[in-house]
Protein backbone atom coordinates (compact mmCIF):
# COMPACT_ATOMS: atom_id res chain seq x y z
CA MET A 1 0.11 -0.12 0.14
CA LEU A 2 1.80 3.30 -0.98
CA SER A 3 2.29 6.22 1.71
CA GLU A 4 2.34 3.16 4.65
CA HIS A 5 5.08 3.23 6.81
CA HIS A 6 6.92 0.14 6.80
CA ASP A 7 9.70 1.49 9.67
CA ILE A 8 11.03 -1.02 12.28
CA ASP A 9 8.91 1.22 14.85
CA HIS A 10 6.10 1.35 13.24
CA GLU A 11 6.11 -2.56 12.28
CA PHE A 12 6.55 -3.49 15.86
CA PRO A 13 5.47 -1.17 18.24
CA GLU A 14 5.08 -3.86 20.87
CA TYR A 15 9.04 -3.60 20.84
CA HIS A 16 9.50 0.06 21.02
CA LYS A 17 11.59 -0.12 24.39
CA ARG A 18 13.74 -3.12 23.36
CA LEU A 19 14.37 -1.72 20.27
CA GLU A 20 15.55 1.70 21.57
CA VAL A 21 18.04 -0.91 24.37
CA LEU A 22 19.49 -2.85 21.73
CA VAL A 23 19.89 -0.01 19.10
CA GLU A 24 21.72 1.85 21.76
CA ALA A 25 23.61 -1.20 22.78
CA ASP A 26 24.72 -3.20 19.63
CA PRO A 27 25.94 -1.34 16.74
CA GLN A 28 25.54 -4.03 14.26
CA PHE A 29 21.69 -4.21 15.28
CA ALA A 30 21.58 -0.24 14.87
CA GLU A 31 22.90 -0.67 11.68
CA GLN A 32 20.73 -2.99 10.04
CA VAL A 33 17.54 -1.04 11.93
CA ALA A 34 19.07 1.96 9.84
CA ARG A 35 19.39 0.08 6.50
CA HIS A 36 15.81 -1.19 7.10
CA ASP A 37 14.41 2.16 7.49
CA LYS A 38 16.44 3.60 4.90
CA LEU A 39 15.17 0.98 2.10
CA ASP A 40 11.75 1.57 3.28
CA ASN A 41 11.90 5.44 2.72
CA GLN A 42 13.47 4.61 -0.68
CA ILE A 43 10.89 1.84 -1.94
CA ARG A 44 8.20 4.08 -0.48
CA GLU A 45 9.14 7.57 -2.42
CA LEU A 46 10.08 5.64 -5.40
CA GLU A 47 6.27 3.80 -5.25
CA GLU A 48 4.99 7.45 -4.46
CA LEU A 49 6.68 9.55 -7.04
CA GLY A 50 6.17 6.44 -9.66
CA MET A 51 10.06 7.21 -9.95
CA PRO A 52 11.49 4.91 -13.13
CA ILE A 53 13.10 1.73 -11.79
CA SER A 54 12.96 -1.47 -13.17
CA ASP A 55 11.01 -3.95 -11.65
CA GLU A 56 14.01 -6.17 -10.29
CA ASN A 57 15.53 -3.24 -8.65
CA ILE A 58 12.54 -2.60 -6.65
CA GLU A 59 11.69 -5.90 -6.13
CA ALA A 60 15.40 -6.72 -4.60
CA MET A 61 15.02 -3.60 -2.38
CA LYS A 62 12.00 -5.09 -0.91
CA PHE A 63 13.82 -8.16 -0.68
CA GLU A 64 16.75 -6.88 1.12
CA ARG A 65 14.12 -5.17 3.49
CA ALA A 66 12.25 -8.43 3.84
CA GLY A 67 15.52 -10.24 4.89
CA LEU A 68 16.44 -7.68 7.29
CA LYS A 69 13.04 -7.24 9.18
CA ASP A 70 13.15 -10.86 9.85
CA ILE A 71 17.01 -10.50 11.24
CA ILE A 72 15.67 -7.56 13.26
CA TYR A 73 12.63 -8.94 14.40
CA ALA A 74 14.40 -12.46 15.38
CA LYS A 75 16.94 -9.95 17.69
CA LEU A 76 13.88 -8.35 19.44
CA ARG A 77 12.15 -11.45 20.50
CA GLY A 78 15.22 -12.96 21.53
CA GLN A 79 15.69 -15.61 18.74
CA GLU A 80 18.51 -14.62 16.84
CA THR A 81 20.79 -17.09 14.92
CA THR A 82 24.06 -15.71 14.47
């Protein structure tokens, strides 16, 4: 859906406090969250403005965003597999 936020804080509001703690304590996790949210913003902007981009490129961006979301969610739940 266009204009819908998919940033991590919107996706997992029940983990807001844990997200803040982990971002502060774990630089790699903070980087993953930042990368996810940056991708989300880029994807939304491309979709809203109808900017020219190949289907393969936008799908690759969405795939990367989903992968990061899975990693982040597992860490938020304390189930990361590193």
